[in-house]
Amino acid sequence: MARREETTRMCALTRAEKPVAELIRFVLGPDDVLVPDTDAKAEGRGVWISLNRELVAEAVKKKAFQRSLKTEVKLPDDLPGLTQTRLEQRYLSALGMARKAGQLTFGATKVRALIESGGLIALITASDAAEDGRSKMVGPLKALHYSAAEEGIDGFDVPHFEMLTSEQMGLALGLENVIHAALTKGAAAQSAVEKARRLALYLAKPTEMVTGRVAVDGDLLPEEQDERREIHG
């Protein structure tokens, strides 16, 4: 069966046509205030902008929304910040659903065991985690990717996300603090990975030459500088 072509839209700022996964939609609310439509399901005419905080800020500065909608629009005081908050909320909500489905594991010992067995689809570390604790997770994750490469497993990719604090994740999940977590196979966990990738892409700092993948700290790094790019397969 032929593969369905991926839906694309044009970025109103750069005029580049991209898959919708690499864009974010904005719509006018009932009060004529522009808001991010993170799920791209809101009614009304929308404006698509590349999924990147710096480009959303530039779109505000260059009045790309007004040009695209051909009308004056009211903008929130901090549209880039509001957009980040909405993406974070979607990610945290997805983590909550994964936990209810039994597809989210907490605790350094349990998470490390999942890494060593290859039983995870994503590693999550709090952005304020201690460096020694972080290293104890990143090392085995690198080894897992090396092993997959040696075995010739194509498309093997267990991403590592470090975008939220332990307090943010703990509050959202009803726990005191969450430092180390892992997502396991399942529809709810896969949805959380997709939400995490979108947030990571939004926070990434593009450079002239990039690897094409988000590094573990959320940045897109030049290939010659990205010492951790093997984490992503």
Protein backbone atom coordinates (compact mmCIF):
# COMPACT_ATOMS: atom_id res chain seq x y z
CA MET A 1 0.00 0.00 0.00
CA ALA A 2 1.37 3.40 -0.96
CA ARG A 3 2.49 5.58 1.90
CA ARG A 4 0.29 8.62 2.52
CA GLU A 5 2.08 11.86 1.77
CA GLU A 6 2.86 13.98 4.82
CA THR A 7 0.72 17.09 5.18
CA THR A 8 2.68 20.31 4.70
CA ARG A 9 2.00 23.99 5.24
CA MET A 10 3.89 27.19 4.51
CA CYS A 11 5.56 29.16 7.28
CA ALA A 12 4.17 32.70 7.14
CA LEU A 13 7.54 34.11 8.21
CA THR A 14 10.14 32.20 6.19
CA ARG A 15 7.78 31.17 3.34
CA ALA A 16 9.27 27.69 3.53
CA GLU A 17 6.92 24.72 3.12
CA LYS A 18 7.34 22.20 5.94
CA PRO A 19 5.57 19.18 7.45
CA VAL A 20 2.98 20.27 10.02
CA ALA A 21 5.05 18.46 12.69
CA GLU A 22 7.68 21.18 12.23
CA LEU A 23 5.20 24.06 12.44
CA ILE A 24 2.81 25.53 14.96
CA ARG A 25 -0.56 27.08 14.17
CA PHE A 26 -1.92 30.34 15.58
CA VAL A 27 -5.55 31.46 15.45
CA LEU A 28 -7.62 34.45 16.48
CA GLY A 29 -9.65 33.81 19.60
CA PRO A 30 -13.20 35.12 20.19
CA ASP A 31 -11.73 38.35 21.57
CA ASP A 32 -9.54 38.80 18.47
CA VAL A 33 -6.41 37.94 20.46
CA LEU A 34 -3.95 35.67 18.67
CA VAL A 35 -3.30 32.42 20.53
CA PRO A 36 -1.27 29.26 19.82
CA ASP A 37 -3.36 26.35 18.56
CA THR A 38 -0.98 23.61 19.69
CA ASP A 39 -3.18 20.76 18.43
CA ALA A 40 -4.07 22.54 15.16
CA LYS A 41 -7.75 21.80 15.68
CA ALA A 42 -9.27 25.18 16.50
CA GLU A 43 -11.83 26.63 14.11
CA GLY A 44 -11.07 29.69 12.05
CA ARG A 45 -8.32 30.80 9.75
CA GLY A 46 -4.88 29.99 11.05
CA VAL A 47 -1.33 31.15 10.56
CA TRP A 48 1.50 28.62 10.49
CA ILE A 49 4.96 29.50 11.83
CA SER A 50 8.04 27.30 12.06
CA LEU A 51 8.15 25.51 15.40
CA ASN A 52 10.89 27.57 17.02
CA ARG A 53 10.72 30.17 19.78
CA GLU A 54 13.14 32.57 18.08
CA LEU A 55 11.13 32.46 14.84
CA VAL A 56 7.84 33.07 16.66
CA ALA A 57 9.44 36.14 18.25
CA GLU A 58 10.64 37.28 14.84
CA ALA A 59 7.16 36.76 13.39
CA VAL A 60 5.79 39.10 16.06
CA LYS A 61 8.48 41.68 15.35
CA LYS A 62 7.96 41.58 11.58
CA LYS A 63 4.15 41.50 11.83
CA ALA A 64 3.91 38.22 9.93
CA PHE A 65 0.57 37.43 11.59
CA GLN A 66 -1.04 40.67 10.46
CA ARG A 67 0.24 40.20 6.90
CA SER A 68 -1.01 36.64 6.70
CA LEU A 69 -4.44 37.38 8.15
CA LYS A 70 -4.68 40.71 6.30
CA THR A 71 -6.01 42.45 9.40
CA GLU A 72 -4.82 43.99 12.63
CA VAL A 73 -4.56 41.48 15.45
CA LYS A 74 -4.14 41.74 19.21
CA LEU A 75 -1.05 39.95 20.47
CA PRO A 76 -0.40 38.66 24.02
CA ASP A 77 2.39 40.45 25.88
CA ASP A 78 4.69 37.44 25.42
CA LEU A 79 3.48 35.22 22.59
CA PRO A 80 6.72 33.15 22.44
CA GLY A 81 6.48 32.53 26.19
CA LEU A 82 2.78 31.67 26.03
CA THR A 83 3.47 29.24 23.21
CA GLN A 84 6.20 27.54 25.23
CA THR A 85 3.86 27.24 28.21
CA ARG A 86 1.16 25.62 26.06
CA LEU A 87 3.66 23.13 24.61
CA GLU A 88 4.93 22.31 28.09
CA GLN A 89 1.37 21.74 29.28
CA ARG A 90 0.67 19.37 26.41
CA TYR A 91 3.86 17.44 27.14
CA LEU A 92 3.13 17.20 30.88
CA SER A 93 -0.45 16.14 30.19
CA ALA A 94 0.81 13.39 27.89
CA LEU A 95 3.23 12.22 30.60
CA GLY A 96 0.29 12.01 32.98
CA MET A 97 -1.62 9.85 30.51
CA ALA A 98 1.42 7.61 30.05
CA ARG A 99 1.66 7.18 33.80
CA LYS A 100 -2.01 6.17 34.03
CA ALA A 101 -1.41 3.65 31.25
CA GLY A 102 1.55 2.16 33.14
CA GLN A 103 4.00 3.34 30.49
CA LEU A 104 6.06 5.75 32.60
CA THR A 105 8.66 4.53 35.10
CA PHE A 106 10.33 6.63 37.83
CA GLY A 107 13.43 6.27 39.95
CA ALA A 108 17.11 5.98 39.08
CA THR A 109 17.39 2.23 39.74
CA LYS A 110 14.32 1.27 37.71
CA VAL A 111 15.15 3.65 34.88
CA ARG A 112 18.73 2.42 34.60
CA ALA A 113 17.49 -1.17 34.49
CA LEU A 114 15.21 -0.25 31.58
CA ILE A 115 18.09 1.38 29.73
CA GLU A 116 20.33 -1.65 30.19
CA SER A 117 17.58 -4.00 28.98
CA GLY A 118 16.57 -1.75 26.08
CA GLY A 119 13.03 -1.63 27.39
CA LEU A 120 12.43 2.10 27.00
CA ILE A 121 11.46 4.36 24.12
CA ALA A 122 12.64 7.63 25.72
CA LEU A 123 14.72 8.78 28.67
CA ILE A 124 13.63 11.82 30.67
CA THR A 125 15.92 13.72 33.02
CA ALA A 126 15.04 16.81 35.05
CA SER A 127 16.90 19.90 33.86
CA ASP A 128 18.09 20.47 37.43
CA ALA A 129 19.38 16.92 37.96
CA ALA A 130 22.81 16.50 39.53
CA GLU A 131 25.54 15.91 36.95
CA ASP A 132 26.68 12.62 38.47
CA GLY A 133 23.15 11.24 38.45
CA ARG A 134 22.65 12.40 34.88
CA SER A 135 25.89 10.74 33.77
CA LYS A 136 24.75 7.42 35.23
CA MET A 137 21.83 7.49 32.81
CA VAL A 138 23.49 8.99 29.75
CA GLY A 139 26.40 6.51 29.78
CA PRO A 140 24.22 3.38 29.51
CA LEU A 141 22.03 5.12 26.93
CA LYS A 142 25.06 5.77 24.75
CA ALA A 143 26.09 2.14 25.16
CA LEU A 144 22.60 1.04 24.08
CA HIS A 145 22.91 3.04 20.87
CA TYR A 146 26.43 1.76 20.20
CA SER A 147 25.17 -1.79 20.59
CA ALA A 148 22.27 -1.21 18.21
CA ALA A 149 24.65 0.30 15.64
CA GLU A 150 27.04 -2.66 15.90
CA GLU A 151 24.14 -5.05 15.39
CA GLY A 152 23.05 -3.10 12.32
CA ILE A 153 19.64 -2.15 13.68
CA ASP A 154 18.37 0.60 11.39
CA GLY A 155 16.23 3.41 12.75
CA PHE A 156 17.04 2.71 16.39
CA ASP A 157 16.42 5.92 18.33
CA VAL A 158 15.83 6.40 22.05
CA PRO A 159 15.76 10.17 22.62
CA HIS A 160 16.81 11.85 25.85
CA PHE A 161 14.77 14.86 26.94
CA GLU A 162 15.99 17.41 29.49
CA MET A 163 13.58 20.33 29.28
CA LEU A 164 11.61 20.58 32.53
CA THR A 165 12.62 20.88 36.18
CA SER A 166 12.00 18.15 38.73
CA GLU A 167 9.40 20.39 40.39
CA GLN A 168 7.51 20.98 37.13
CA MET A 169 7.26 17.26 36.43
CA GLY A 170 6.50 16.39 40.04
CA LEU A 171 3.63 18.86 40.31
CA ALA A 172 2.10 17.69 37.04
CA LEU A 173 2.36 14.02 38.00
CA GLY A 174 1.31 14.38 41.61
CA LEU A 175 4.73 13.49 43.01
CA GLU A 176 7.16 15.43 45.16
CA ASN A 177 9.95 15.53 42.57
CA VAL A 178 10.80 13.63 39.42
CA ILE A 179 14.48 13.43 38.52
CA HIS A 180 14.75 10.35 36.30
CA ALA A 181 11.97 8.76 34.26
CA ALA A 182 11.56 6.50 31.26
CA LEU A 183 8.76 5.94 28.79
CA THR A 184 8.03 2.36 27.72
CA LYS A 185 6.23 0.99 24.70
CA GLY A 186 2.60 1.92 24.23
CA ALA A 187 0.34 4.42 22.52
CA ALA A 188 0.23 6.82 25.47
CA ALA A 189 4.03 6.81 25.81
CA GLN A 190 4.48 7.37 22.08
CA SER A 191 2.16 10.37 22.28
CA ALA A 192 4.31 11.77 25.10
CA VAL A 193 7.45 11.33 22.97
CA GLU A 194 5.83 13.24 20.12
CA LYS A 195 4.85 16.09 22.46
CA ALA A 196 8.38 16.13 23.90
CA ARG A 197 9.92 16.33 20.43
CA ARG A 198 7.75 19.31 19.57
CA LEU A 199 8.74 21.13 22.74
CA ALA A 200 12.42 20.30 22.15
CA LEU A 201 12.21 21.60 18.59
CA TYR A 202 10.56 24.81 19.80
CA LEU A 203 13.31 25.41 22.36
CA ALA A 204 16.17 24.50 20.03
CA LYS A 205 18.66 27.17 18.99
CA PRO A 206 19.25 26.69 15.26
CA THR A 207 22.75 27.12 13.84
CA GLU A 208 24.02 27.38 10.29
CA MET A 209 25.10 23.73 10.23
CA VAL A 210 23.10 21.34 12.37
CA THR A 211 22.84 17.60 12.82
CA GLY A 212 19.12 17.73 12.16
CA ARG A 213 18.31 16.34 15.60
CA VAL A 214 17.77 17.95 18.95
CA ALA A 215 20.65 17.39 21.36
CA VAL A 216 19.96 16.20 24.89
CA ASP A 217 19.82 19.75 26.23
CA GLY A 218 17.27 20.85 23.66
CA ASP A 219 19.76 22.55 21.32
CA LEU A 220 20.43 21.74 17.70
CA LEU A 221 24.21 21.62 17.49
CA PRO A 222 26.71 21.74 14.62
CA GLU A 223 27.77 18.23 13.68
CA GLU A 224 31.41 18.83 14.55
CA GLN A 225 30.46 20.12 17.99
CA ASP A 226 27.64 17.78 18.94
CA GLU A 227 29.53 15.31 21.08
CA ARG A 228 26.30 13.67 22.20
CA ARG A 229 24.60 13.21 18.85
CA GLU A 230 25.08 9.41 19.10
CA ILE A 231 22.40 9.45 21.79
CA HIS A 232 19.87 9.90 19.02
CA GLY A 233 21.00 7.02 16.87
